[in-house]
Amino acid sequence: MTERKHKGHILVVDDEPSMRTTLSILLKREGYRVSQASGGVEAIKMLAPGEYDMLLTDLKMEGMDGIELLRHIKAVDPQAEVLIFTAYGTIASAVEAMKLGAYDYIGKPFDEEELLLKVARALERKALVKEVQVLRAELQGRGERGQIIAASKEMREVLAQIDQIAPTEATVLIEGESGTGKELVARAIHRGSLRSDRPFIPINCSTFPDTLLESELFGYEKGAFTGADKGRKGLFEAAHTGTLFLDEIADMPLPLQGKLLRALQEGEVRRLGSTATIRVEVRIVAATNKKVDALVAQGIIRDDLFYRLNVVRIVIPPLRERPDDIIPLAQHFLDVYRKRAKKEIMGFAPDAAQAMLDHPWPGNVRELENAVERGVILCQSSSITAQDLSLSIPLLDTGSDQGMTLKELERRHTLSALERHGGNQAETARELGIGRNTLWRRLKEYGIIP
């Protein structure tokens, strides 16, 4: 008589016998093979590489807690998936466990359906890991991280973070000034994940009025509001099984942040005008161009949403703090734009290279790209000169600033940036480090927009 094949071998670790028994019955009923350990010390004795496909462990146990056990598990078998049980009040510790490699956490008392769903997803992820490892190595070998140029120590550390967290399911929060390449990092995380063949859906939260952002994220039903002549699914649904990139998350209004938090916690969304919920399974990568800790302290970002998003944080340093990247980036952009312009430009003249190294780059990599594109267009020889780059930024005439209010200084600075970008509000907002809605309100106040 042949032994029935099980769906996976799971080790349940809990110092409460009743909890171990309950979990064992539930999991065996679903076709899993189950072993039990009464605590962290006993679990360590039972560990062996490849023995268990998954471990379910309580966070708070006598002798050795779940965090310490998790470290031992990952040292013995890095591929083992771990689901943490946590009671109310220890969510911060559960988030710390996810940073150490836990797949997810679930609260006590747990919902059976939610538990079985998370177990199934974790084991599905484990099964897919081997399938994508070869492909991921091949892609990385071909430089498929996109246009991330990493000559500096700072950016090499960022790439190392990407390689480490991309294969996990961890939510990622990216912090960096406008123009540093936050979306490139988000796309690199997606390409290195198990979701690489699934959708990557980006949205910039600063580009939508408050009233439209909710319908973009969650969708709407026919007749939900004036002009909704047919239903439309939102970006959460479009990104199902893939990655949703929420850029400039700090520009999301607080009421909508609460709805976003619920969608992340419950794994479901509700379209505007509907009472039905829709299950979604999405990895979230969020980004902001401001110091996120200050935003939380000021109440601009809800602290409970912050804890949900800040499982892993990547900080992209501004270009002025990594000068080793300036010339390699400039050369990369030169290769791109001279081909488009069909010009035989060999490189940068010494004065152009020095000008780029001396420039503060308030607009970061995006400003550098624009400067090189401008240099290619204006270049009349075989090398781009400093004059072609036109890097000098006109400063306010300090002699005429005396007695001027802060509001007037802000007005002059805003209009100066708008003029530099030829009236392009999106580029102007990026340089100023504000959302487009904020820029629009300023221009309306100045009388530029009726």
Protein backbone atom coordinates (compact mmCIF):
# COMPACT_ATOMS: atom_id res chain seq x y z
CA MET A 1 0.00 0.00 0.00
CA THR A 2 1.57 3.26 -1.13
CA GLU A 3 1.80 6.18 1.28
CA ARG A 4 -0.46 9.10 0.42
CA LYS A 5 1.58 12.06 -0.82
CA HIS A 6 1.23 15.08 1.46
CA LYS A 7 1.14 18.75 0.41
CA GLY A 8 4.11 19.75 2.57
CA HIS A 9 5.78 19.08 5.91
CA ILE A 10 4.95 21.73 8.54
CA LEU A 11 6.48 22.14 12.00
CA VAL A 12 4.16 23.76 14.55
CA VAL A 13 5.98 25.45 17.46
CA ASP A 14 3.95 26.68 20.44
CA ASP A 15 4.25 26.30 24.21
CA GLU A 16 0.47 25.84 24.50
CA PRO A 17 -0.46 22.14 23.91
CA SER A 18 -4.05 23.01 22.98
CA MET A 19 -2.88 25.41 20.27
CA ARG A 20 -0.49 22.81 18.82
CA THR A 21 -3.27 20.22 18.77
CA THR A 22 -5.75 22.57 17.12
CA LEU A 23 -3.29 23.58 14.42
CA SER A 24 -2.23 19.98 13.77
CA ILE A 25 -5.81 18.82 13.28
CA LEU A 26 -6.58 21.73 10.98
CA LEU A 27 -3.48 21.28 8.83
CA LYS A 28 -3.70 17.48 8.62
CA ARG A 29 -7.29 17.80 7.48
CA GLU A 30 -5.99 19.92 4.57
CA GLY A 31 -3.47 17.25 3.55
CA TYR A 32 -0.31 18.54 5.24
CA ARG A 33 2.14 16.43 7.20
CA VAL A 34 2.55 17.98 10.67
CA SER A 35 5.19 17.75 13.40
CA GLN A 36 5.07 19.52 16.75
CA ALA A 37 7.57 21.22 19.08
CA SER A 38 6.74 22.58 22.52
CA GLY A 39 9.13 25.52 22.24
CA GLY A 40 12.12 27.02 20.48
CA VAL A 41 14.72 24.77 22.09
CA GLU A 42 12.93 21.58 21.02
CA ALA A 43 12.33 23.00 17.54
CA ILE A 44 16.06 23.67 17.06
CA LYS A 45 16.84 20.04 17.92
CA MET A 46 14.39 18.92 15.24
CA LEU A 47 15.66 21.27 12.53
CA ALA A 48 17.52 19.91 9.53
CA PRO A 49 18.07 21.42 6.08
CA GLY A 50 15.17 20.55 3.80
CA GLU A 51 13.22 18.68 6.50
CA TYR A 52 10.35 21.16 6.83
CA ASP A 53 8.69 23.14 4.07
CA MET A 54 7.22 25.58 6.57
CA LEU A 55 7.18 26.45 10.26
CA LEU A 56 4.34 27.99 12.23
CA THR A 57 5.66 29.50 15.45
CA ASP A 58 4.27 31.62 18.24
CA LEU A 59 6.06 34.92 18.82
CA LYS A 60 5.91 34.89 22.62
CA MET A 61 7.12 31.63 24.20
CA GLU A 62 8.91 30.68 27.39
CA GLY A 63 12.66 30.12 27.11
CA MET A 64 13.19 31.15 23.50
CA ASP A 65 10.89 33.55 21.66
CA GLY A 66 9.87 33.36 18.01
CA ILE A 67 12.39 36.01 16.88
CA GLU A 68 15.37 34.05 18.22
CA LEU A 69 13.98 30.83 16.79
CA LEU A 70 13.53 32.51 13.42
CA ARG A 71 17.22 33.44 13.34
CA HIS A 72 18.16 29.79 13.99
CA ILE A 73 15.75 28.55 11.33
CA LYS A 74 17.13 30.86 8.65
CA ALA A 75 20.69 29.90 9.59
CA VAL A 76 19.93 26.17 9.21
CA ASP A 77 17.53 26.34 6.25
CA PRO A 78 17.24 29.75 4.51
CA GLN A 79 14.56 28.39 2.15
CA ALA A 80 12.16 27.40 4.95
CA GLU A 81 9.06 29.58 5.09
CA VAL A 82 8.02 30.85 8.53
CA LEU A 83 4.61 32.14 9.60
CA ILE A 84 4.54 34.00 12.93
CA PHE A 85 1.60 33.96 15.37
CA THR A 86 1.23 37.15 17.37
CA ALA A 87 -1.23 38.50 19.90
CA TYR A 88 -2.49 42.08 19.86
CA GLY A 89 0.19 44.49 21.08
CA THR A 90 3.15 42.67 19.51
CA ILE A 91 2.63 43.74 15.90
CA ALA A 92 5.91 45.69 15.92
CA SER A 93 7.77 42.49 16.86
CA ALA A 94 5.98 40.64 14.06
CA VAL A 95 7.10 43.28 11.58
CA GLU A 96 10.65 42.84 12.88
CA ALA A 97 10.28 39.10 12.24
CA MET A 98 9.33 39.80 8.63
CA LYS A 99 12.48 41.87 8.25
CA LEU A 100 14.43 38.82 9.41
CA GLY A 101 12.83 36.64 6.76
CA ALA A 102 9.43 35.51 8.07
CA TYR A 103 6.86 35.09 5.30
CA ASP A 104 4.05 36.84 7.17
CA TYR A 105 2.31 37.06 10.53
CA ILE A 106 -1.22 36.28 11.69
CA GLY A 107 -2.99 37.44 14.82
CA LYS A 108 -4.33 35.34 17.66
CA PRO A 109 -7.04 34.18 17.77
CA PHE A 110 -6.62 33.31 14.11
CA ASP A 111 -9.18 32.89 11.37
CA GLU A 112 -8.94 29.36 9.90
CA GLU A 113 -9.56 30.47 6.33
CA GLU A 114 -6.94 33.23 6.56
CA LEU A 115 -4.41 30.84 8.10
CA LEU A 116 -4.87 28.16 5.43
CA LEU A 117 -4.69 30.78 2.69
CA LYS A 118 -1.38 32.15 4.00
CA VAL A 119 0.06 28.65 4.42
CA ALA A 120 -0.92 27.74 0.86
CA ARG A 121 0.57 30.96 -0.53
CA ALA A 122 3.81 30.50 1.39
CA LEU A 123 4.26 26.96 0.11
CA GLU A 124 3.36 28.02 -3.40
CA ARG A 125 6.04 30.70 -3.16
CA LYS A 126 8.57 28.14 -1.94
CA ALA A 127 7.75 25.85 -4.87
CA LEU A 128 8.30 28.70 -7.31
CA VAL A 129 11.64 29.78 -5.84
CA LYS A 130 13.64 27.04 -7.57
CA GLU A 131 11.96 27.73 -10.88
CA VAL A 132 12.98 31.39 -10.95
CA GLN A 133 16.46 31.18 -9.41
CA VAL A 134 18.17 30.26 -12.68
CA LEU A 135 16.22 32.87 -14.63
CA ARG A 136 16.98 35.56 -12.05
CA ALA A 137 20.69 34.80 -12.16
CA GLU A 138 20.62 34.98 -15.93
CA LEU A 139 18.78 38.30 -15.92
CA GLN A 140 21.13 39.81 -13.37
CA GLY A 141 24.05 38.63 -15.44
CA ARG A 142 22.68 40.58 -18.38
CA GLY A 143 22.29 43.72 -16.28
CA GLU A 144 18.51 43.54 -16.22
CA ARG A 145 18.15 45.85 -13.22
CA GLY A 146 17.15 48.54 -15.67
CA GLN A 147 19.14 51.75 -15.95
CA ILE A 148 20.48 51.70 -12.39
CA ILE A 149 24.09 52.81 -12.66
CA ALA A 150 25.99 51.88 -9.53
CA ALA A 151 29.59 53.04 -9.58
CA SER A 152 29.43 54.50 -6.08
CA LYS A 153 29.60 52.54 -2.85
CA GLU A 154 26.23 54.00 -1.83
CA MET A 155 24.39 52.71 -4.90
CA ARG A 156 26.12 49.33 -4.79
CA GLU A 157 24.66 48.97 -1.30
CA VAL A 158 21.21 49.82 -2.70
CA LEU A 159 21.60 47.12 -5.38
CA ALA A 160 22.65 44.63 -2.71
CA GLN A 161 19.44 45.45 -0.82
CA ILE A 162 17.40 44.92 -3.98
CA ASP A 163 18.97 41.51 -4.56
CA GLN A 164 18.25 40.51 -0.96
CA ILE A 165 14.63 41.59 -0.68
CA ALA A 166 13.33 41.16 -4.24
CA PRO A 167 12.71 37.37 -3.95
CA THR A 168 10.71 37.86 -0.72
CA GLU A 169 7.11 39.03 -0.41
CA ALA A 170 8.05 41.90 1.92
CA THR A 171 6.42 45.29 1.49
CA VAL A 172 9.05 47.90 0.61
CA LEU A 173 9.20 51.63 1.37
CA ILE A 174 11.60 53.65 -0.79
CA GLU A 175 12.78 57.05 0.42
CA GLY A 176 14.64 59.46 -1.83
CA GLU A 177 14.54 62.97 -3.25
CA SER A 178 12.73 63.64 -6.51
CA GLY A 179 14.71 62.42 -9.48
CA THR A 180 16.84 59.84 -7.66
CA GLY A 181 15.27 56.87 -9.46
CA LYS A 182 12.73 55.47 -7.01
CA GLU A 183 10.62 53.91 -9.75
CA LEU A 184 13.68 52.25 -11.29
CA VAL A 185 14.38 50.65 -7.92
CA ALA A 186 10.75 49.56 -7.61
CA ARG A 187 10.85 47.97 -11.07
CA ALA A 188 14.12 46.21 -10.22
CA ILE A 189 12.50 44.75 -7.11
CA HIS A 190 9.60 43.49 -9.22
CA ARG A 191 11.88 41.97 -11.88
CA GLY A 192 13.83 40.10 -9.22
CA SER A 193 10.70 38.75 -7.52
CA LEU A 194 8.57 35.67 -8.04
CA ARG A 195 6.02 38.01 -9.60
CA SER A 196 8.29 39.12 -12.45
CA ASP A 197 5.93 37.69 -15.08
CA ARG A 198 2.93 39.38 -13.45
CA PRO A 199 1.81 43.03 -13.76
CA PHE A 200 3.83 45.96 -12.43
CA ILE A 201 1.40 48.85 -11.96
CA PRO A 202 2.79 52.29 -10.99
CA ILE A 203 0.75 55.27 -9.82
CA ASN A 204 1.95 58.67 -8.68
CA CYS A 205 -0.35 59.73 -5.86
CA SER A 206 0.54 63.41 -6.35
CA THR A 207 -0.80 63.57 -9.91
CA PHE A 208 -4.46 62.92 -9.07
CA PRO A 209 -6.92 65.16 -7.26
CA ASP A 210 -8.06 63.65 -3.96
CA THR A 211 -11.48 62.78 -5.36
CA LEU A 212 -10.06 60.81 -8.30
CA LEU A 213 -7.27 58.93 -6.55
CA GLU A 214 -9.66 56.64 -4.69
CA SER A 215 -11.45 55.60 -7.89
CA GLU A 216 -8.08 55.00 -9.59
CA LEU A 217 -6.95 52.67 -6.81
CA PHE A 218 -10.18 50.82 -6.07
CA GLY A 219 -12.26 51.25 -9.24
CA TYR A 220 -15.94 52.12 -9.49
CA GLU A 221 -19.30 50.75 -10.61
CA LYS A 222 -21.53 52.17 -13.28
CA GLY A 223 -23.43 55.16 -11.92
CA ALA A 224 -21.15 55.58 -8.88
CA PHE A 225 -20.79 59.27 -9.75
CA THR A 226 -21.63 61.68 -12.53
CA GLY A 227 -19.95 60.54 -15.73
CA ALA A 228 -19.45 56.93 -14.62
CA ASP A 229 -21.35 55.47 -17.59
CA LYS A 230 -19.68 52.09 -17.13
CA GLY A 231 -17.80 50.24 -14.41
CA ARG A 232 -14.04 50.16 -14.22
CA LYS A 233 -11.64 48.06 -12.17
CA GLY A 234 -9.03 49.88 -10.11
CA LEU A 235 -5.28 49.50 -10.02
CA PHE A 236 -5.41 47.04 -7.12
CA GLU A 237 -7.37 44.67 -9.33
CA ALA A 238 -5.13 45.37 -12.31
CA ALA A 239 -2.07 44.51 -10.19
CA HIS A 240 -3.57 41.26 -8.83
CA THR A 241 -0.78 38.69 -8.28
CA GLY A 242 1.74 41.38 -9.26
CA THR A 243 3.26 44.55 -7.80
CA LEU A 244 1.58 47.91 -7.16
CA PHE A 245 3.98 50.86 -6.91
CA LEU A 246 2.54 53.78 -4.91
CA ASP A 247 4.81 56.73 -5.65
CA GLU A 248 4.66 59.87 -3.48
CA ILE A 249 2.54 58.11 -0.87
CA ALA A 250 2.77 61.19 1.39
CA ASP A 251 0.46 63.09 -0.99
CA MET A 252 -2.36 60.62 -0.34
CA PRO A 253 -5.07 62.23 1.85
CA LEU A 254 -5.50 60.79 5.34
CA PRO A 255 -9.03 59.38 4.81
CA LEU A 256 -7.81 57.47 1.77
CA GLN A 257 -4.79 56.23 3.72
CA GLY A 258 -7.24 54.51 6.07
CA LYS A 259 -8.91 52.74 3.15
CA LEU A 260 -5.52 51.74 1.77
CA LEU A 261 -4.55 50.30 5.15
CA ARG A 262 -7.73 48.21 5.22
CA ALA A 263 -7.02 46.90 1.72
CA LEU A 264 -3.52 45.86 2.77
CA GLN A 265 -4.68 44.19 5.99
CA GLU A 266 -7.73 42.42 4.60
CA GLY A 267 -6.48 41.67 1.09
CA GLU A 268 -9.68 42.96 -0.44
CA VAL A 269 -11.04 46.14 -2.04
CA ARG A 270 -14.48 47.60 -2.64
CA ARG A 271 -15.23 49.59 -5.77
CA LEU A 272 -16.91 52.97 -5.41
CA GLY A 273 -20.67 52.51 -5.57
CA SER A 274 -20.50 48.82 -4.63
CA THR A 275 -21.12 46.88 -1.43
CA ALA A 276 -19.30 43.76 -2.64
CA THR A 277 -15.65 43.11 -1.78
CA ILE A 278 -13.08 41.77 -4.24
CA ARG A 279 -10.13 39.66 -3.08
CA VAL A 280 -6.76 40.91 -4.32
CA GLU A 281 -3.25 39.59 -3.79
CA VAL A 282 -0.75 42.38 -4.41
CA ARG A 283 2.80 43.21 -3.34
CA ILE A 284 3.10 46.85 -2.36
CA VAL A 285 6.15 49.02 -3.01
CA ALA A 286 5.65 52.60 -1.82
CA ALA A 287 7.87 55.67 -2.18
CA THR A 288 8.17 59.24 -0.94
CA ASN A 289 10.52 62.11 -1.74
CA LYS A 290 10.44 63.34 1.85
CA LYS A 291 11.87 62.11 5.16
CA VAL A 292 9.28 59.50 6.05
CA ASP A 293 9.89 59.56 9.83
CA ALA A 294 9.19 63.30 9.89
CA LEU A 295 5.99 62.76 7.89
CA VAL A 296 4.74 60.27 10.47
CA ALA A 297 5.66 62.60 13.35
CA GLN A 298 3.76 65.44 11.65
CA GLY A 299 0.69 63.25 11.08
CA ILE A 300 0.99 63.46 7.29
CA ILE A 301 1.29 59.67 7.09
CA ARG A 302 -0.77 57.54 9.48
CA ASP A 303 1.47 55.68 11.88
CA ASP A 304 -0.46 52.40 11.44
CA LEU A 305 -0.07 52.64 7.66
CA PHE A 306 3.62 53.47 8.10
CA TYR A 307 4.19 50.32 10.15
CA ARG A 308 2.47 48.28 7.45
CA LEU A 309 4.55 49.81 4.65
CA ASN A 310 7.88 50.04 6.47
CA VAL A 311 8.71 46.34 6.56
CA VAL A 312 11.87 47.01 4.54
CA ARG A 313 13.10 50.53 3.78
CA ILE A 314 15.49 51.50 1.00
CA VAL A 315 16.99 54.99 1.16
CA ILE A 316 18.35 56.29 -2.16
CA PRO A 317 20.99 58.97 -1.56
CA PRO A 318 20.82 62.16 -3.65
CA LEU A 319 23.24 62.49 -6.55
CA ARG A 320 25.29 65.16 -4.77
CA GLU A 321 26.19 62.58 -2.09
CA ARG A 322 27.46 60.02 -4.61
CA PRO A 323 29.66 61.92 -7.06
CA ASP A 324 31.24 58.68 -8.31
CA ASP A 325 27.99 58.04 -10.20
CA ILE A 326 27.86 61.38 -12.05
CA ILE A 327 30.20 60.66 -14.96
CA PRO A 328 29.07 57.02 -15.51
CA LEU A 329 25.44 58.19 -15.52
CA ALA A 330 26.25 61.04 -17.90
CA GLN A 331 28.00 58.62 -20.26
CA HIS A 332 24.99 56.31 -20.16
CA PHE A 333 22.61 59.15 -21.06
CA LEU A 334 25.00 60.31 -23.76
CA ASP A 335 24.88 56.86 -25.38
CA VAL A 336 21.08 57.00 -25.35
CA TYR A 337 20.57 60.51 -26.75
CA ARG A 338 23.34 60.62 -29.34
CA LYS A 339 21.79 57.55 -30.97
CA ARG A 340 18.39 59.21 -30.99
CA ALA A 341 19.84 62.42 -32.42
CA LYS A 342 22.07 60.43 -34.83
CA LYS A 343 25.08 62.52 -33.87
CA GLU A 344 28.72 61.42 -33.81
CA ILE A 345 29.58 62.75 -30.35
CA MET A 346 32.62 61.09 -28.80
CA GLY A 347 32.19 62.23 -25.21
CA PHE A 348 32.46 65.17 -22.81
CA ALA A 349 35.09 67.91 -22.96
CA PRO A 350 37.15 68.35 -19.74
CA ASP A 351 35.30 71.54 -18.83
CA ALA A 352 31.94 69.73 -19.18
CA ALA A 353 33.06 66.87 -16.94
CA GLN A 354 34.31 69.32 -14.32
CA ALA A 355 31.10 71.35 -14.52
CA MET A 356 29.05 68.21 -13.89
CA LEU A 357 31.18 67.26 -10.90
CA ASP A 358 30.88 70.78 -9.45
CA HIS A 359 27.13 71.09 -9.98
CA PRO A 360 24.88 70.47 -6.90
CA TRP A 361 22.19 68.62 -8.93
CA PRO A 362 19.08 69.69 -7.00
CA GLY A 363 17.03 67.70 -9.52
CA ASN A 364 19.26 64.63 -9.08
CA VAL A 365 19.55 62.01 -11.84
CA ARG A 366 16.56 63.38 -13.72
CA GLU A 367 18.23 66.80 -13.94
CA LEU A 368 21.46 65.19 -15.12
CA GLU A 369 19.60 63.32 -17.85
CA ASN A 370 17.91 66.53 -19.02
CA ALA A 371 21.28 68.34 -19.05
CA VAL A 372 22.92 65.63 -21.16
CA GLU A 373 19.98 65.55 -23.58
CA ARG A 374 20.26 69.35 -23.89
CA GLY A 375 24.02 69.02 -24.42
CA VAL A 376 23.51 66.52 -27.24
CA ILE A 377 21.02 68.84 -28.96
CA LEU A 378 23.26 71.93 -28.66
CA CYS A 379 26.60 70.24 -29.36
CA GLN A 380 28.25 71.40 -32.59
CA SER A 381 31.49 69.43 -32.29
CA SER A 382 32.72 65.95 -31.39
CA SER A 383 32.58 66.67 -27.64
CA ILE A 384 29.95 68.21 -25.37
CA THR A 385 31.23 71.36 -23.67
CA ALA A 386 30.18 73.00 -20.41
CA GLN A 387 28.39 75.66 -22.46
CA ASP A 388 26.34 72.94 -24.21
CA LEU A 389 25.18 71.59 -20.85
CA SER A 390 23.98 75.03 -19.67
CA LEU A 391 24.20 74.05 -16.01
CA SER A 392 24.28 77.51 -14.45
CA ILE A 393 21.10 78.14 -12.44
CA PRO A 394 20.21 81.84 -12.09
CA LEU A 395 20.08 82.80 -8.43
CA LEU A 396 17.71 85.32 -6.95
CA ASP A 397 19.13 88.83 -6.86
CA THR A 398 19.90 89.12 -3.18
CA GLY A 399 20.05 92.91 -3.48
CA SER A 400 16.39 93.04 -4.44
CA ASP A 401 15.24 90.60 -1.74
CA GLN A 402 15.40 93.10 1.10
CA GLY A 403 12.02 93.50 2.77
CA MET A 404 10.47 90.78 0.60
CA THR A 405 8.07 88.39 2.34
CA LEU A 406 8.62 84.64 2.43
CA LYS A 407 5.47 84.24 0.30
CA GLU A 408 6.90 86.48 -2.42
CA LEU A 409 10.21 84.61 -2.36
CA GLU A 410 8.27 81.37 -2.78
CA ARG A 411 6.34 82.90 -5.70
CA ARG A 412 9.52 84.01 -7.48
CA HIS A 413 11.19 80.64 -6.91
CA THR A 414 8.15 78.76 -8.23
CA LEU A 415 7.77 80.91 -11.36
CA SER A 416 11.52 80.70 -12.02
CA ALA A 417 11.33 76.90 -11.96
CA LEU A 418 8.24 76.95 -14.19
CA GLU A 419 10.09 79.10 -16.71
CA ARG A 420 13.13 76.78 -16.67
CA HIS A 421 10.87 73.86 -17.58
CA GLY A 422 9.04 75.70 -20.34
CA GLY A 423 5.73 75.69 -18.47
CA ASN A 424 5.81 71.93 -17.81
CA GLN A 425 4.01 71.60 -14.49
CA ALA A 426 5.00 67.98 -13.86
CA GLU A 427 8.74 68.73 -14.22
CA THR A 428 8.38 71.93 -12.20
CA ALA A 429 6.69 70.09 -9.35
CA ARG A 430 9.44 67.45 -9.34
CA GLU A 431 12.19 70.07 -9.10
CA LEU A 432 10.39 71.91 -6.30
CA GLY A 433 9.76 68.65 -4.45
CA ILE A 434 5.99 69.23 -4.21
CA GLY A 435 2.93 67.47 -5.62
CA ARG A 436 1.26 68.66 -8.80
CA ASN A 437 -1.88 69.50 -6.85
CA THR A 438 0.16 71.79 -4.60
CA LEU A 439 1.79 73.45 -7.64
CA TRP A 440 -1.59 73.86 -9.31
CA ARG A 441 -2.98 75.61 -6.21
CA ARG A 442 0.05 77.94 -6.11
CA LEU A 443 -0.30 78.89 -9.77
CA LYS A 444 -4.00 79.50 -9.31
CA GLU A 445 -3.19 81.74 -6.35
CA TYR A 446 -0.61 83.63 -8.46
CA GLY A 447 -3.18 84.17 -11.22
CA ILE A 448 -1.29 81.99 -13.72
CA ILE A 449 -4.19 79.53 -13.88
CA PRO A 450 -7.71 81.02 -14.06
